[in-house]
Amino acid sequence: MRRRLANYEADRSVPYAGLTPEALADRALQAMHAPVAYRPVETDGAARAARRIAQVLENRWWVRS
């Protein structure tokens, strides 16, 4: 998940080692008040998958008689 967030420039992960509740609260407040600057997320994943499946089904040369 972290890598996926990084792909969209939306990764706000914090190192767990030495993390205090106060530090986590500070980071959360910073994130809430920071301007939104992530890249748009693709929403056509299902359509792209359907097109690929259709291409595979159309190219089943071994089934044709």
Protein backbone atom coordinates (compact mmCIF):
# COMPACT_ATOMS: atom_id res chain seq x y z
CA MET A 1 0.00 0.00 0.00
CA ARG A 2 2.81 2.38 0.81
CA ARG A 3 4.30 1.96 -2.66
CA ARG A 4 0.94 2.63 -4.26
CA LEU A 5 0.54 5.81 -2.23
CA ALA A 6 4.05 6.85 -3.22
CA ASN A 7 3.13 6.39 -6.89
CA TYR A 8 0.45 9.03 -6.44
CA GLU A 9 2.72 11.25 -4.31
CA ALA A 10 0.37 10.73 -1.36
CA ASP A 11 2.66 8.80 1.01
CA ARG A 12 2.58 10.25 4.51
CA SER A 13 4.05 7.29 6.34
CA VAL A 14 5.97 7.76 9.57
CA PRO A 15 8.66 5.52 11.03
CA TYR A 16 7.27 3.40 13.85
CA ALA A 17 10.50 3.19 15.85
CA GLY A 18 10.48 5.85 18.55
CA LEU A 19 7.07 7.20 17.53
CA THR A 20 5.18 8.86 20.36
CA PRO A 21 1.48 9.69 20.51
CA GLU A 22 2.36 13.38 20.50
CA ALA A 23 4.57 13.06 17.41
CA LEU A 24 1.85 11.09 15.61
CA ALA A 25 -0.74 13.72 16.53
CA ASP A 26 1.56 16.47 15.24
CA ARG A 27 2.06 14.66 11.94
CA ALA A 28 -1.68 14.09 11.59
CA LEU A 29 -2.39 17.78 12.19
CA GLN A 30 0.26 18.78 9.65
CA ALA A 31 -1.27 16.43 7.08
CA MET A 32 -4.79 17.73 7.72
CA HIS A 33 -3.74 21.34 7.22
CA ALA A 34 -1.39 20.81 4.29
CA PRO A 35 -2.68 21.55 0.79
CA VAL A 36 -3.77 18.53 -1.23
CA ALA A 37 -1.03 17.78 -3.74
CA TYR A 38 -1.43 14.17 -4.83
CA ARG A 39 -1.71 13.04 -8.43
CA PRO A 40 -5.13 12.07 -9.79
CA VAL A 41 -6.02 8.40 -9.28
CA GLU A 42 -6.98 6.39 -12.35
CA THR A 43 -10.58 5.23 -12.30
CA ASP A 44 -10.64 3.14 -15.47
CA GLY A 45 -9.03 -0.03 -14.09
CA ALA A 46 -12.09 -2.23 -14.67
CA ALA A 47 -12.48 -1.01 -18.26
CA ARG A 48 -8.79 -1.63 -19.00
CA ALA A 49 -9.02 -5.12 -17.53
CA ALA A 50 -12.13 -5.89 -19.59
CA ARG A 51 -10.39 -4.76 -22.78
CA ARG A 52 -7.42 -7.01 -22.07
CA ILE A 53 -9.65 -9.98 -21.35
CA ALA A 54 -11.56 -9.33 -24.58
CA GLN A 55 -8.27 -9.25 -26.51
CA VAL A 56 -7.23 -12.58 -25.05
CA LEU A 57 -10.59 -14.15 -25.86
CA GLU A 58 -10.48 -12.81 -29.43
CA ASN A 59 -7.01 -14.29 -29.97
CA ARG A 60 -7.81 -17.86 -28.96
CA TRP A 61 -6.56 -19.29 -32.25
CA TRP A 62 -6.15 -22.75 -30.75
CA VAL A 63 -9.90 -23.04 -30.13
CA ARG A 64 -11.00 -22.18 -33.65
CA SER A 65 -11.67 -25.07 -35.93
